[in-house]
N, C-alpha and C. Protein backbone atom coordinates (compact mmCIF):
# COMPACT_ATOMS: atom_id res chain seq x y z
N MET A 1 -33.28 5.10 34.46
CA MET A 1 -34.77 4.52 33.85
C MET A 1 -34.85 3.11 34.56
N THR A 2 -35.93 2.91 34.95
CA THR A 2 -36.62 1.48 35.44
C THR A 2 -37.39 1.09 34.92
N VAL A 3 -37.38 -0.31 34.17
CA VAL A 3 -38.37 -1.21 33.33
C VAL A 3 -38.32 -2.50 33.95
N ARG A 4 -39.56 -3.23 33.56
CA ARG A 4 -39.77 -4.61 33.83
C ARG A 4 -38.94 -5.48 32.97
N ARG A 5 -38.33 -6.29 33.50
CA ARG A 5 -37.60 -7.39 32.56
C ARG A 5 -37.94 -8.76 33.31
N CYS A 6 -37.84 -9.76 32.60
CA CYS A 6 -37.73 -11.07 33.01
C CYS A 6 -36.39 -11.50 33.11
N VAL A 7 -35.98 -11.73 34.31
CA VAL A 7 -34.70 -12.39 34.44
C VAL A 7 -34.73 -14.14 34.71
N VAL A 8 -33.62 -14.62 33.99
CA VAL A 8 -33.65 -16.07 34.18
C VAL A 8 -32.05 -16.29 34.37
N LEU A 9 -31.91 -16.89 35.67
CA LEU A 9 -30.50 -17.31 36.01
C LEU A 9 -30.33 -18.78 36.07
N GLY A 10 -29.50 -19.39 36.08
CA GLY A 10 -29.36 -20.86 36.00
C GLY A 10 -28.04 -21.51 36.43
N ASP A 11 -28.13 -22.48 37.16
CA ASP A 11 -27.16 -22.83 37.84
C ASP A 11 -26.97 -24.73 37.23
N VAL A 12 -25.93 -25.01 36.80
CA VAL A 12 -25.64 -26.15 36.67
C VAL A 12 -25.69 -27.16 37.81
N VAL A 13 -26.38 -28.27 38.08
CA VAL A 13 -26.16 -29.19 39.01
C VAL A 13 -25.16 -29.92 39.16
N ASP A 14 -24.76 -30.08 40.41
CA ASP A 14 -23.34 -30.61 40.76
C ASP A 14 -22.31 -30.37 39.46
N SER A 15 -21.91 -29.27 39.36
CA SER A 15 -20.95 -28.77 37.93
C SER A 15 -19.64 -29.34 38.59
N ARG A 16 -19.17 -29.15 39.94
CA ARG A 16 -17.98 -29.78 40.48
C ARG A 16 -17.61 -31.27 39.93
N ASN A 17 -18.73 -32.01 39.68
CA ASN A 17 -18.66 -33.32 39.69
C ASN A 17 -18.57 -33.82 38.17
N LEU A 18 -18.47 -32.74 37.43
CA LEU A 18 -18.64 -33.12 35.74
C LEU A 18 -17.28 -33.28 35.42
N ASP A 19 -16.98 -34.38 34.38
CA ASP A 19 -15.90 -34.84 34.31
C ASP A 19 -15.06 -33.82 33.35
N ASP A 20 -15.43 -33.71 32.10
CA ASP A 20 -14.77 -32.99 31.08
C ASP A 20 -15.23 -31.69 31.02
N ARG A 21 -14.78 -30.56 31.69
CA ARG A 21 -15.40 -29.08 31.77
C ARG A 21 -15.46 -28.57 30.44
N GLU A 22 -14.41 -28.93 29.59
CA GLU A 22 -14.33 -28.23 28.34
C GLU A 22 -15.58 -28.64 27.35
N ASP A 23 -15.86 -29.89 27.36
CA ASP A 23 -16.96 -30.49 26.82
C ASP A 23 -18.27 -29.71 27.31
N VAL A 24 -18.46 -29.77 28.54
CA VAL A 24 -19.61 -29.21 29.17
C VAL A 24 -19.91 -27.87 28.64
N ARG A 25 -18.86 -26.92 28.76
CA ARG A 25 -18.88 -25.50 28.35
C ARG A 25 -19.42 -25.29 26.76
N GLU A 26 -18.92 -26.28 26.14
CA GLU A 26 -19.35 -26.22 24.70
C GLU A 26 -20.89 -26.61 24.47
N THR A 27 -21.17 -27.56 25.48
CA THR A 27 -22.59 -27.82 25.46
C THR A 27 -23.46 -26.75 26.10
N LEU A 28 -23.17 -26.02 27.20
CA LEU A 28 -23.46 -24.77 27.83
C LEU A 28 -23.93 -23.87 26.37
N GLU A 29 -22.55 -23.61 25.84
CA GLU A 29 -22.45 -22.37 24.36
C GLU A 29 -23.70 -22.83 23.77
N ALA A 30 -23.78 -23.85 23.23
CA ALA A 30 -24.93 -24.50 22.45
C ALA A 30 -26.26 -24.45 22.90
N ALA A 31 -26.32 -24.48 24.14
CA ALA A 31 -27.69 -24.35 24.82
C ALA A 31 -28.17 -22.94 24.86
N VAL A 32 -27.41 -22.06 25.29
CA VAL A 32 -27.50 -20.75 25.59
C VAL A 32 -28.08 -20.27 24.26
N ALA A 33 -27.28 -20.42 23.10
CA ALA A 33 -27.47 -20.13 21.95
C ALA A 33 -28.99 -20.42 21.39
N ALA A 34 -29.24 -21.59 21.61
CA ALA A 34 -30.46 -22.50 21.39
C ALA A 34 -31.70 -21.65 22.23
N ALA A 35 -31.46 -21.17 23.26
CA ALA A 35 -32.47 -20.66 24.22
C ALA A 35 -32.98 -19.27 23.60
N THR A 36 -31.70 -18.54 23.21
CA THR A 36 -31.95 -17.08 22.76
C THR A 36 -32.65 -17.09 21.56
N ASP A 37 -32.44 -18.21 20.48
CA ASP A 37 -33.11 -18.34 19.54
C ASP A 37 -34.66 -18.62 19.69
N ALA A 38 -34.85 -19.49 20.64
CA ALA A 38 -36.37 -19.88 21.01
C ALA A 38 -36.82 -18.88 21.59
N ALA A 39 -36.46 -17.80 22.30
CA ALA A 39 -36.96 -16.47 23.09
C ALA A 39 -37.55 -15.57 21.97
N GLY A 40 -36.74 -15.40 20.61
CA GLY A 40 -37.00 -14.69 19.52
C GLY A 40 -37.14 -13.11 19.80
N ASP A 41 -38.03 -12.54 19.49
CA ASP A 41 -38.03 -11.03 19.60
C ASP A 41 -38.11 -10.67 20.91
N ALA A 42 -38.55 -11.52 22.05
CA ALA A 42 -38.79 -11.07 23.67
C ALA A 42 -37.08 -10.97 24.13
N ILE A 43 -35.99 -11.35 23.38
CA ILE A 43 -34.87 -11.04 23.95
C ILE A 43 -34.15 -9.61 24.03
N VAL A 44 -33.64 -9.34 25.21
CA VAL A 44 -33.17 -8.19 25.56
C VAL A 44 -31.58 -8.35 25.55
N ALA A 45 -31.41 -9.05 26.57
CA ALA A 45 -29.91 -9.77 26.61
C ALA A 45 -29.77 -11.05 26.53
N PRO A 46 -29.08 -11.53 25.01
CA PRO A 46 -28.87 -12.83 24.99
C PRO A 46 -28.45 -13.73 26.27
N PHE A 47 -29.09 -14.99 26.16
CA PHE A 47 -28.54 -15.90 27.22
C PHE A 47 -27.02 -16.21 27.06
N ALA A 48 -26.52 -16.47 28.10
CA ALA A 48 -25.09 -16.51 27.88
C ALA A 48 -24.56 -17.46 29.18
N VAL A 49 -23.13 -18.00 29.28
CA VAL A 49 -22.66 -18.55 29.93
C VAL A 49 -21.88 -17.58 30.87
N LEU A 50 -22.29 -17.49 32.26
CA LEU A 50 -22.00 -16.38 33.18
C LEU A 50 -20.35 -16.60 33.95
N LYS A 51 -20.53 -17.81 34.39
CA LYS A 51 -19.24 -18.35 35.38
C LYS A 51 -18.74 -19.67 35.05
N GLY A 52 -17.91 -19.70 34.22
CA GLY A 52 -17.12 -20.97 33.72
C GLY A 52 -17.97 -21.80 33.26
N VAL A 53 -18.36 -22.88 33.70
CA VAL A 53 -19.40 -24.21 33.42
C VAL A 53 -20.46 -24.06 34.65
N ASP A 54 -20.77 -23.16 35.28
CA ASP A 54 -21.55 -23.10 36.40
C ASP A 54 -22.81 -22.36 36.17
N GLU A 55 -22.75 -21.58 35.42
CA GLU A 55 -23.75 -20.51 35.51
C GLU A 55 -24.22 -20.10 34.26
N VAL A 56 -25.68 -19.60 34.01
CA VAL A 56 -26.19 -19.02 32.57
C VAL A 56 -27.24 -18.26 32.86
N GLY A 57 -27.55 -17.22 31.82
CA GLY A 57 -28.43 -16.25 32.47
C GLY A 57 -28.70 -15.59 30.94
N GLY A 58 -29.96 -14.84 31.22
CA GLY A 58 -30.61 -14.16 29.88
C GLY A 58 -31.62 -13.09 30.49
N VAL A 59 -32.05 -12.32 29.47
CA VAL A 59 -33.17 -11.42 30.09
C VAL A 59 -33.92 -11.02 29.02
N LEU A 60 -35.38 -11.21 29.24
CA LEU A 60 -36.49 -11.18 28.12
C LEU A 60 -37.16 -9.85 28.55
N ASP A 61 -37.92 -9.21 27.77
CA ASP A 61 -38.80 -8.01 27.57
C ASP A 61 -40.33 -8.42 28.22
N GLU A 62 -40.61 -9.72 28.29
CA GLU A 62 -41.89 -10.17 28.62
C GLU A 62 -41.47 -11.87 29.06
N PRO A 63 -42.55 -12.17 30.16
CA PRO A 63 -42.14 -13.72 30.40
C PRO A 63 -42.84 -14.77 29.84
N GLY A 64 -43.76 -14.40 28.72
CA GLY A 64 -44.27 -15.55 27.97
C GLY A 64 -43.15 -16.41 27.19
N ALA A 65 -42.28 -15.72 27.00
CA ALA A 65 -40.95 -16.17 26.16
C ALA A 65 -40.21 -17.14 26.64
N VAL A 66 -40.57 -17.17 28.44
CA VAL A 66 -39.22 -17.96 29.04
C VAL A 66 -39.54 -19.48 28.94
N VAL A 67 -40.82 -19.97 28.34
CA VAL A 67 -40.99 -21.29 28.24
C VAL A 67 -40.35 -22.09 27.25
N PRO A 68 -40.36 -21.44 25.95
CA PRO A 68 -39.81 -21.91 25.19
C PRO A 68 -38.23 -22.04 25.00
N ALA A 69 -37.97 -20.74 26.08
CA ALA A 69 -36.41 -20.74 26.30
C ALA A 69 -35.70 -21.77 27.11
N LEU A 70 -36.68 -21.93 28.18
CA LEU A 70 -36.08 -22.97 29.31
C LEU A 70 -36.32 -24.42 28.60
N ARG A 71 -37.30 -24.41 27.70
CA ARG A 71 -37.51 -25.88 27.09
C ARG A 71 -35.84 -26.36 26.21
N ALA A 72 -35.66 -25.02 25.56
CA ALA A 72 -34.60 -25.19 24.44
C ALA A 72 -33.23 -25.37 25.31
N LEU A 73 -32.99 -24.56 26.92
CA LEU A 73 -32.03 -24.76 27.44
C LEU A 73 -31.72 -26.26 27.93
N VAL A 74 -32.81 -26.83 28.12
CA VAL A 74 -33.04 -28.14 29.11
C VAL A 74 -32.76 -29.19 27.79
N GLU A 75 -33.24 -29.31 26.81
CA GLU A 75 -33.08 -30.04 25.84
C GLU A 75 -31.68 -30.32 25.12
N HIS A 76 -31.06 -29.04 25.14
CA HIS A 76 -29.57 -28.91 24.43
C HIS A 76 -28.55 -29.43 25.86
N LEU A 77 -28.87 -29.35 27.05
CA LEU A 77 -28.15 -29.72 28.11
C LEU A 77 -28.42 -31.03 28.61
N HIS A 78 -29.42 -31.66 28.38
CA HIS A 78 -29.75 -33.24 28.87
C HIS A 78 -28.66 -34.15 28.30
N PRO A 79 -28.01 -35.06 29.28
CA PRO A 79 -28.60 -35.17 30.39
C PRO A 79 -27.98 -34.10 31.81
N ILE A 80 -27.23 -33.39 31.35
CA ILE A 80 -26.97 -32.30 32.69
C ILE A 80 -28.03 -31.61 33.08
N GLU A 81 -28.16 -31.40 34.17
CA GLU A 81 -29.33 -30.83 35.11
C GLU A 81 -28.91 -29.47 35.32
N LEU A 82 -30.24 -28.60 35.37
CA LEU A 82 -29.97 -27.31 35.46
C LEU A 82 -31.24 -26.78 36.54
N ARG A 83 -30.55 -26.00 37.52
CA ARG A 83 -31.52 -25.13 38.57
C ARG A 83 -31.80 -23.81 37.77
N VAL A 84 -32.96 -23.22 37.89
CA VAL A 84 -33.13 -22.01 37.52
C VAL A 84 -34.18 -21.00 38.46
N GLY A 85 -33.69 -19.99 38.27
CA GLY A 85 -34.27 -18.85 39.19
C GLY A 85 -34.62 -17.89 38.26
N LEU A 86 -36.15 -17.45 38.40
CA LEU A 86 -37.08 -16.91 37.23
C LEU A 86 -37.77 -15.89 37.81
N ALA A 87 -37.35 -14.39 37.46
CA ALA A 87 -38.12 -13.21 38.32
C ALA A 87 -38.43 -12.06 37.22
N TRP A 88 -39.77 -11.71 37.45
CA TRP A 88 -40.40 -10.59 36.51
C TRP A 88 -40.32 -9.66 37.37
N GLY A 89 -39.80 -8.30 37.35
CA GLY A 89 -39.41 -7.39 38.00
C GLY A 89 -38.74 -6.27 37.31
N ALA A 90 -38.40 -5.43 38.43
CA ALA A 90 -37.76 -3.93 37.89
C ALA A 90 -36.32 -4.26 37.75
N VAL A 91 -35.66 -3.64 36.48
CA VAL A 91 -34.19 -3.82 36.12
C VAL A 91 -33.98 -2.20 36.04
N ASP A 92 -33.19 -1.57 36.75
CA ASP A 92 -33.01 -0.29 37.02
C ASP A 92 -31.56 0.32 36.51
N VAL A 93 -30.46 -0.78 36.13
CA VAL A 93 -29.34 -0.39 35.73
C VAL A 93 -28.99 -1.02 34.60
N ALA A 94 -28.86 -0.32 33.43
CA ALA A 94 -28.72 -0.80 32.04
C ALA A 94 -29.60 -1.46 31.54
N PRO A 95 -30.95 -1.13 31.62
CA PRO A 95 -32.33 -2.36 31.39
C PRO A 95 -32.15 -2.25 29.93
N ASP A 96 -31.56 -1.89 28.91
CA ASP A 96 -31.50 -1.91 27.56
C ASP A 96 -30.31 -2.61 27.10
N ALA A 97 -29.24 -2.80 28.01
CA ALA A 97 -27.99 -3.46 27.50
C ALA A 97 -28.15 -4.84 27.03
N ASP A 98 -27.12 -5.16 26.03
CA ASP A 98 -27.36 -6.49 25.42
C ASP A 98 -26.63 -7.58 25.93
N ALA A 99 -26.04 -7.25 27.17
CA ALA A 99 -25.33 -8.26 27.96
C ALA A 99 -25.87 -8.32 29.43
N VAL A 100 -26.28 -9.70 29.96
CA VAL A 100 -26.67 -9.68 31.32
C VAL A 100 -25.77 -9.14 32.18
N ALA A 101 -24.44 -9.29 32.11
CA ALA A 101 -23.65 -8.86 33.10
C ALA A 101 -23.56 -7.14 33.45
N ALA A 102 -24.16 -6.78 32.38
CA ALA A 102 -24.12 -5.10 32.66
C ALA A 102 -25.51 -4.69 33.07
N MET A 103 -26.59 -5.55 33.52
CA MET A 103 -27.55 -5.13 33.97
C MET A 103 -27.72 -5.59 35.63
N ASP A 104 -28.57 -4.66 36.51
CA ASP A 104 -29.14 -5.03 37.70
C ASP A 104 -30.25 -4.55 38.11
N GLY A 105 -30.65 -4.94 39.14
CA GLY A 105 -32.01 -4.32 39.69
C GLY A 105 -32.46 -5.52 40.73
N PRO A 106 -33.77 -4.96 41.07
CA PRO A 106 -34.33 -6.11 42.05
C PRO A 106 -34.89 -7.20 41.39
N ALA A 107 -35.22 -7.07 39.91
CA ALA A 107 -35.28 -8.41 39.57
C ALA A 107 -34.15 -9.53 39.30
N PHE A 108 -33.18 -8.97 39.39
CA PHE A 108 -31.75 -9.75 39.68
C PHE A 108 -31.60 -10.33 40.85
N HIS A 109 -31.87 -9.46 41.61
CA HIS A 109 -31.67 -10.25 43.21
C HIS A 109 -33.00 -11.00 43.35
N ARG A 110 -34.00 -11.00 42.99
CA ARG A 110 -35.17 -11.90 43.38
C ARG A 110 -35.04 -13.48 42.54
N ALA A 111 -34.26 -13.24 41.32
CA ALA A 111 -34.01 -14.33 40.31
C ALA A 111 -32.90 -15.10 41.17
N ASP A 112 -31.83 -14.37 41.66
CA ASP A 112 -30.70 -14.94 42.66
C ASP A 112 -31.50 -16.00 43.82
N GLU A 113 -32.22 -15.08 44.43
CA GLU A 113 -32.94 -15.61 45.59
C GLU A 113 -33.64 -16.85 45.23
N CYS A 114 -34.05 -16.86 44.01
CA CYS A 114 -35.04 -18.21 43.69
C CYS A 114 -34.09 -19.05 43.06
N LEU A 115 -33.06 -18.96 42.60
CA LEU A 115 -31.90 -19.91 42.53
C LEU A 115 -31.58 -20.61 43.73
N GLN A 116 -31.24 -19.74 44.70
CA GLN A 116 -30.71 -20.08 45.97
C GLN A 116 -32.00 -21.17 46.34
N ALA A 117 -33.34 -20.50 46.68
CA ALA A 117 -34.29 -21.46 47.08
C ALA A 117 -34.32 -22.58 46.53
N ALA A 118 -34.23 -22.76 45.12
CA ALA A 118 -34.35 -24.13 44.26
C ALA A 118 -33.23 -24.89 44.82
N ALA A 119 -32.17 -24.58 45.06
CA ALA A 119 -30.85 -25.32 45.35
C ALA A 119 -31.33 -25.99 46.99
N ALA A 120 -31.61 -25.04 47.62
CA ALA A 120 -31.79 -25.29 49.21
C ALA A 120 -33.00 -26.33 49.35
N ASP A 121 -33.90 -26.26 48.43
CA ASP A 121 -35.29 -27.19 48.58
C ASP A 121 -35.00 -28.39 47.49
N ASP A 122 -33.87 -28.37 46.82
CA ASP A 122 -33.74 -29.30 46.07
C ASP A 122 -34.67 -29.57 44.87
N ARG A 123 -35.02 -28.47 44.49
CA ARG A 123 -35.85 -28.15 43.24
C ARG A 123 -35.27 -27.72 41.99
N TYR A 124 -35.97 -27.81 40.96
CA TYR A 124 -35.45 -27.32 39.64
C TYR A 124 -35.91 -25.86 39.27
N VAL A 125 -37.04 -25.37 39.61
CA VAL A 125 -37.63 -23.94 39.27
C VAL A 125 -38.11 -23.27 40.47
N ARG A 126 -37.83 -22.30 40.84
CA ARG A 126 -38.18 -21.49 41.47
C ARG A 126 -38.66 -20.10 40.71
N VAL A 127 -39.72 -19.38 41.26
CA VAL A 127 -40.48 -18.16 40.50
C VAL A 127 -40.95 -17.06 41.59
N SER A 128 -40.49 -15.71 40.86
CA SER A 128 -40.79 -14.61 41.52
C SER A 128 -41.39 -13.79 40.59
N LEU A 129 -42.80 -13.31 40.66
CA LEU A 129 -43.39 -12.47 39.74
C LEU A 129 -44.25 -11.23 40.27
N ALA A 130 -43.45 -9.83 39.98
CA ALA A 130 -44.20 -8.71 40.28
C ALA A 130 -45.52 -8.56 40.16
N ASP A 131 -46.20 -7.89 41.51
CA ASP A 131 -47.54 -7.80 41.44
C ASP A 131 -48.55 -8.85 41.11
N VAL A 132 -48.19 -10.24 41.34
CA VAL A 132 -48.83 -11.44 41.19
C VAL A 132 -48.69 -12.04 42.56
N PRO A 133 -49.91 -12.20 43.00
CA PRO A 133 -50.13 -13.07 44.23
C PRO A 133 -49.31 -14.37 44.36
N ASP A 134 -48.52 -14.37 45.42
CA ASP A 134 -47.34 -15.38 45.66
C ASP A 134 -47.91 -16.69 45.26
N VAL A 135 -49.14 -16.99 45.75
CA VAL A 135 -49.68 -18.37 45.32
C VAL A 135 -49.63 -18.94 44.13
N PHE A 136 -49.98 -17.48 43.21
CA PHE A 136 -50.03 -17.76 41.75
C PHE A 136 -48.78 -17.76 41.36
N ALA A 137 -47.87 -17.20 41.71
CA ALA A 137 -46.24 -17.34 41.38
C ALA A 137 -46.05 -18.82 41.86
N ALA A 138 -46.52 -19.27 42.74
CA ALA A 138 -45.92 -20.73 43.30
C ALA A 138 -46.51 -21.54 42.19
N VAL A 139 -47.70 -21.59 42.07
CA VAL A 139 -48.22 -22.64 41.13
C VAL A 139 -47.47 -22.59 39.84
N LEU A 140 -47.43 -21.35 39.32
CA LEU A 140 -46.81 -21.56 37.67
C LEU A 140 -45.43 -21.97 38.14
N GLY A 141 -44.39 -21.74 38.93
CA GLY A 141 -43.20 -22.21 39.26
C GLY A 141 -43.34 -23.71 39.92
N ASP A 142 -44.43 -24.25 40.51
CA ASP A 142 -44.10 -25.47 40.74
C ASP A 142 -44.77 -26.31 39.57
N GLN A 143 -45.34 -25.80 38.58
CA GLN A 143 -45.80 -26.47 37.27
C GLN A 143 -44.59 -26.71 36.54
N LEU A 144 -44.05 -25.86 36.23
CA LEU A 144 -42.46 -25.84 35.62
C LEU A 144 -41.32 -26.77 36.21
N ASP A 145 -41.66 -26.91 37.55
CA ASP A 145 -40.58 -27.82 38.40
C ASP A 145 -40.97 -29.37 38.09
N LEU A 146 -42.52 -29.25 38.14
CA LEU A 146 -42.86 -30.90 37.95
C LEU A 146 -42.72 -31.26 36.41
N LEU A 147 -42.66 -30.36 35.23
CA LEU A 147 -42.49 -30.67 34.06
C LEU A 147 -40.95 -30.96 33.84
N SER A 148 -39.97 -30.03 34.82
CA SER A 148 -38.82 -30.66 34.81
C SER A 148 -38.48 -31.79 35.36
N LEU A 149 -39.12 -32.18 36.40
CA LEU A 149 -38.86 -33.31 36.86
C LEU A 149 -39.25 -34.59 36.12
N TRP A 150 -40.20 -34.47 35.36
CA TRP A 150 -40.55 -35.86 34.52
C TRP A 150 -39.93 -35.72 33.47
N THR A 151 -39.46 -34.71 32.68
CA THR A 151 -38.79 -34.64 31.50
C THR A 151 -36.91 -35.37 32.05
N SER A 152 -36.76 -34.96 33.22
CA SER A 152 -35.38 -35.39 33.64
C SER A 152 -35.33 -37.12 33.49
N THR A 153 -36.39 -37.71 33.50
CA THR A 153 -36.08 -39.11 34.06
C THR A 153 -36.23 -39.62 32.32
N TRP A 154 -36.16 -38.85 31.15
CA TRP A 154 -36.35 -39.53 29.96
C TRP A 154 -34.94 -39.76 29.48
N THR A 155 -34.84 -40.91 28.62
CA THR A 155 -33.29 -41.11 28.20
C THR A 155 -33.24 -40.14 27.01
N PRO A 156 -31.93 -40.11 26.43
CA PRO A 156 -31.84 -38.99 25.18
C PRO A 156 -32.54 -39.37 24.23
N ARG A 157 -32.67 -40.58 23.80
CA ARG A 157 -33.46 -41.25 22.76
C ARG A 157 -34.80 -40.69 22.76
N GLN A 158 -35.66 -40.70 23.97
CA GLN A 158 -36.92 -40.47 24.04
C GLN A 158 -36.87 -38.78 24.27
N ARG A 159 -36.16 -38.05 24.46
CA ARG A 159 -36.10 -36.84 24.44
C ARG A 159 -35.99 -36.46 22.97
N SER A 160 -35.31 -37.17 22.06
CA SER A 160 -34.81 -36.84 20.70
C SER A 160 -36.17 -37.18 19.90
N PHE A 161 -36.94 -37.99 20.33
CA PHE A 161 -38.24 -38.30 19.53
C PHE A 161 -39.11 -37.38 20.08
N VAL A 162 -39.32 -36.89 21.26
CA VAL A 162 -40.34 -35.76 22.01
C VAL A 162 -39.84 -34.45 21.08
N THR A 163 -38.57 -34.07 21.26
CA THR A 163 -38.17 -33.04 20.74
C THR A 163 -38.73 -32.97 19.24
N ALA A 164 -38.49 -33.90 18.28
CA ALA A 164 -38.65 -34.14 17.04
C ALA A 164 -40.08 -33.91 16.51
N TYR A 165 -40.64 -34.60 17.34
CA TYR A 165 -42.28 -34.66 16.95
C TYR A 165 -43.06 -33.45 17.17
N ARG A 166 -42.49 -32.81 18.11
CA ARG A 166 -43.09 -31.37 18.38
C ARG A 166 -43.30 -30.57 16.91
N ASP A 167 -42.21 -30.84 16.27
CA ASP A 167 -42.12 -29.92 15.04
C ASP A 167 -42.58 -30.44 13.77
N ALA A 168 -42.52 -31.70 14.03
CA ALA A 168 -42.94 -32.69 12.69
C ALA A 168 -44.45 -32.53 12.32
N ASP A 169 -44.69 -33.15 11.15
CA ASP A 169 -46.29 -33.37 10.86
C ASP A 169 -46.82 -34.77 11.08
N THR A 170 -45.87 -35.65 10.97
CA THR A 170 -46.43 -36.77 11.42
C THR A 170 -45.34 -37.66 11.85
N MET A 171 -45.80 -38.88 12.80
CA MET A 171 -45.01 -39.95 13.35
C MET A 171 -44.11 -40.66 12.51
N THR A 172 -44.55 -40.77 11.19
CA THR A 172 -43.77 -41.07 9.94
C THR A 172 -42.56 -40.36 9.71
N ALA A 173 -42.85 -39.10 9.82
CA ALA A 173 -41.41 -37.99 9.39
C ALA A 173 -40.58 -38.58 10.60
N VAL A 174 -41.03 -38.56 11.93
CA VAL A 174 -39.93 -38.72 13.13
C VAL A 174 -39.28 -40.24 12.76
N ALA A 175 -40.19 -41.10 12.18
CA ALA A 175 -39.67 -42.42 12.05
C ALA A 175 -38.46 -42.64 11.06
N ASP A 176 -38.82 -41.62 9.99
CA ASP A 176 -38.00 -41.65 8.93
C ASP A 176 -36.64 -40.96 9.32
N ALA A 177 -36.60 -40.18 10.11
CA ALA A 177 -35.60 -38.97 10.50
C ALA A 177 -34.72 -40.13 11.44
N PHE A 178 -35.29 -40.86 12.19
CA PHE A 178 -34.45 -41.73 13.16
C PHE A 178 -34.26 -43.27 12.36
N ASP A 179 -34.74 -43.70 11.44
CA ASP A 179 -34.61 -44.97 10.72
C ASP A 179 -35.10 -45.86 11.97
N VAL A 180 -36.28 -45.57 12.25
CA VAL A 180 -36.76 -46.56 13.28
C VAL A 180 -38.39 -47.01 12.75
N SER A 181 -39.15 -47.77 13.14
CA SER A 181 -40.78 -47.98 13.00
C SER A 181 -41.70 -46.84 13.51
N VAL A 182 -42.70 -46.75 13.01
CA VAL A 182 -43.65 -45.65 13.47
C VAL A 182 -44.19 -46.16 14.86
N GLN A 183 -44.05 -47.72 14.84
CA GLN A 183 -44.38 -48.16 16.39
C GLN A 183 -43.84 -47.86 17.43
N MET A 184 -42.39 -48.04 17.24
CA MET A 184 -41.46 -47.46 17.95
C MET A 184 -41.62 -45.73 18.49
N VAL A 185 -41.91 -44.80 17.51
CA VAL A 185 -42.06 -43.80 17.73
C VAL A 185 -43.37 -43.38 18.63
N SER A 186 -44.50 -44.20 18.15
CA SER A 186 -45.75 -44.03 18.78
C SER A 186 -45.50 -44.63 20.42
N LYS A 187 -45.08 -45.72 20.52
CA LYS A 187 -44.75 -46.23 22.05
C LYS A 187 -43.92 -45.27 22.78
N THR A 188 -42.95 -44.41 22.16
CA THR A 188 -41.79 -43.77 23.01
C THR A 188 -42.88 -42.59 23.26
N LEU A 189 -43.60 -42.02 22.42
CA LEU A 189 -44.45 -40.62 22.67
C LEU A 189 -45.41 -41.05 23.70
N ASP A 190 -45.80 -42.29 23.65
CA ASP A 190 -47.09 -42.68 24.66
C ASP A 190 -46.31 -42.82 26.08
N ARG A 191 -45.05 -43.47 25.98
CA ARG A 191 -44.32 -43.56 27.44
C ARG A 191 -44.16 -42.47 28.10
N THR A 192 -43.53 -41.41 27.22
CA THR A 192 -43.11 -40.32 27.81
C THR A 192 -44.22 -39.03 28.30
N ARG A 193 -45.45 -39.42 27.79
CA ARG A 193 -46.48 -38.75 27.56
C ARG A 193 -46.46 -37.26 26.97
N ALA A 194 -45.86 -37.52 25.95
CA ALA A 194 -45.62 -36.35 25.11
C ALA A 194 -46.62 -35.22 24.89
N ALA A 195 -47.88 -36.06 24.79
CA ALA A 195 -49.11 -35.04 24.31
C ALA A 195 -49.19 -34.07 25.58
N THR A 196 -49.43 -34.80 26.62
CA THR A 196 -49.53 -34.02 28.14
C THR A 196 -48.51 -32.81 28.09
N VAL A 197 -46.95 -33.45 27.83
CA VAL A 197 -46.08 -32.31 28.04
C VAL A 197 -46.33 -31.10 27.25
N TYR A 198 -46.59 -31.36 25.80
CA TYR A 198 -46.72 -30.12 24.76
C TYR A 198 -47.91 -29.36 25.32
N ALA A 199 -48.91 -29.95 25.99
CA ALA A 199 -50.31 -29.10 26.20
C ALA A 199 -50.14 -28.41 27.59
N VAL A 200 -48.98 -28.95 28.73
CA VAL A 200 -48.77 -28.39 29.79
C VAL A 200 -47.72 -27.04 29.40
N GLU A 201 -46.90 -27.16 28.25
CA GLU A 201 -46.09 -26.16 28.05
C GLU A 201 -46.74 -24.92 27.19
N ASP A 202 -47.71 -25.32 26.70
CA ASP A 202 -48.86 -24.21 25.72
C ASP A 202 -49.41 -23.54 26.71
N THR A 203 -50.07 -24.43 28.04
CA THR A 203 -50.79 -23.46 28.89
C THR A 203 -49.86 -22.49 29.92
N LEU A 204 -48.61 -23.14 30.08
CA LEU A 204 -47.61 -22.33 30.78
C LEU A 204 -47.18 -21.22 30.10
N GLU A 205 -46.90 -21.32 28.78
CA GLU A 205 -46.63 -20.20 27.85
C GLU A 205 -47.55 -19.08 27.98
N ALA A 206 -48.91 -19.59 27.84
CA ALA A 206 -49.87 -18.43 27.76
C ALA A 206 -49.94 -17.78 29.31
N ALA A 207 -49.94 -18.73 30.43
CA ALA A 207 -49.95 -17.81 31.62
C ALA A 207 -48.66 -17.14 31.63
N PHE A 208 -47.74 -17.23 31.57
CA PHE A 208 -46.64 -16.36 31.71
C PHE A 208 -46.77 -15.23 30.86
N ALA A 209 -47.49 -15.42 29.68
CA ALA A 209 -47.63 -14.25 28.88
C ALA A 209 -48.41 -13.15 29.19
N ALA A 210 -49.40 -13.76 30.11
CA ALA A 210 -50.63 -12.99 30.86
C ALA A 210 -49.89 -12.11 31.80
N VAL A 211 -48.81 -12.96 32.71
CA VAL A 211 -48.40 -12.13 33.71
C VAL A 211 -47.61 -10.88 32.88
N GLY A 212 -47.41 -10.85 32.05
CA GLY A 212 -46.66 -9.87 31.28
C GLY A 212 -47.42 -8.57 30.52
N GLY A 213 -48.75 -9.33 30.65
CA GLY A 213 -50.12 -8.03 30.19
C GLY A 213 -50.40 -7.05 30.89
N ASP A 214 -51.37 -6.57 30.37
CA ASP A 214 -51.85 -5.17 31.09
C ASP A 214 -52.82 -5.60 32.23
N ASP A 215 -53.33 -6.76 32.15
CA ASP A 215 -54.29 -7.30 33.22
C ASP A 215 -54.01 -6.83 34.64
N THR A 216 -54.87 -6.45 35.43
CA THR A 216 -54.58 -6.39 36.98
C THR A 216 -54.90 -7.84 37.47
N TRP A 217 -54.02 -8.21 38.46
CA TRP A 217 -54.33 -9.39 39.07
C TRP A 217 -54.84 -9.34 40.16
């Protein structure tokens, strides 16, 4: 049986130069668990660490959930950097398996090719989307890449504020949680362009969801 799946493969950047590989593995385990939770009902095979502290992967039944899943991965790994190859396409070996390692198919090969291309071009993300014109797939991939590039410049504290404010009702709630002033929270959100980041994430999530819909491109 052949079905369409969204395959996400990630590779830790410069993993050989990381000092404490055991700590890194624990961080990776927490990150893949968070990504699985973020993807929700779209999960087919939960995100998992695939090779030591080098690679992670997960499989979704629709591409819309890839945006919150990748966000969770990046937030939990920061400042460790991750390159990602993402492919929406056919999986014809154990497409309903609950383990990434048990699956295979063209989407896996395309995701791996995207991952290699990202590394060769020194980029964070490359994307392949079945039945979508290459130029549109490239635009979505480049938007994810630019988002990753921008957020990679944040300090851990800045990322904590942006993450907290995404789910908080007010800046006051964030300020109370971190025992800082509302003014500090406001300045941090302004410097990080948090509002723009949230908006771009929402647009990307809607765009990837449309890729998995019934509309003809």
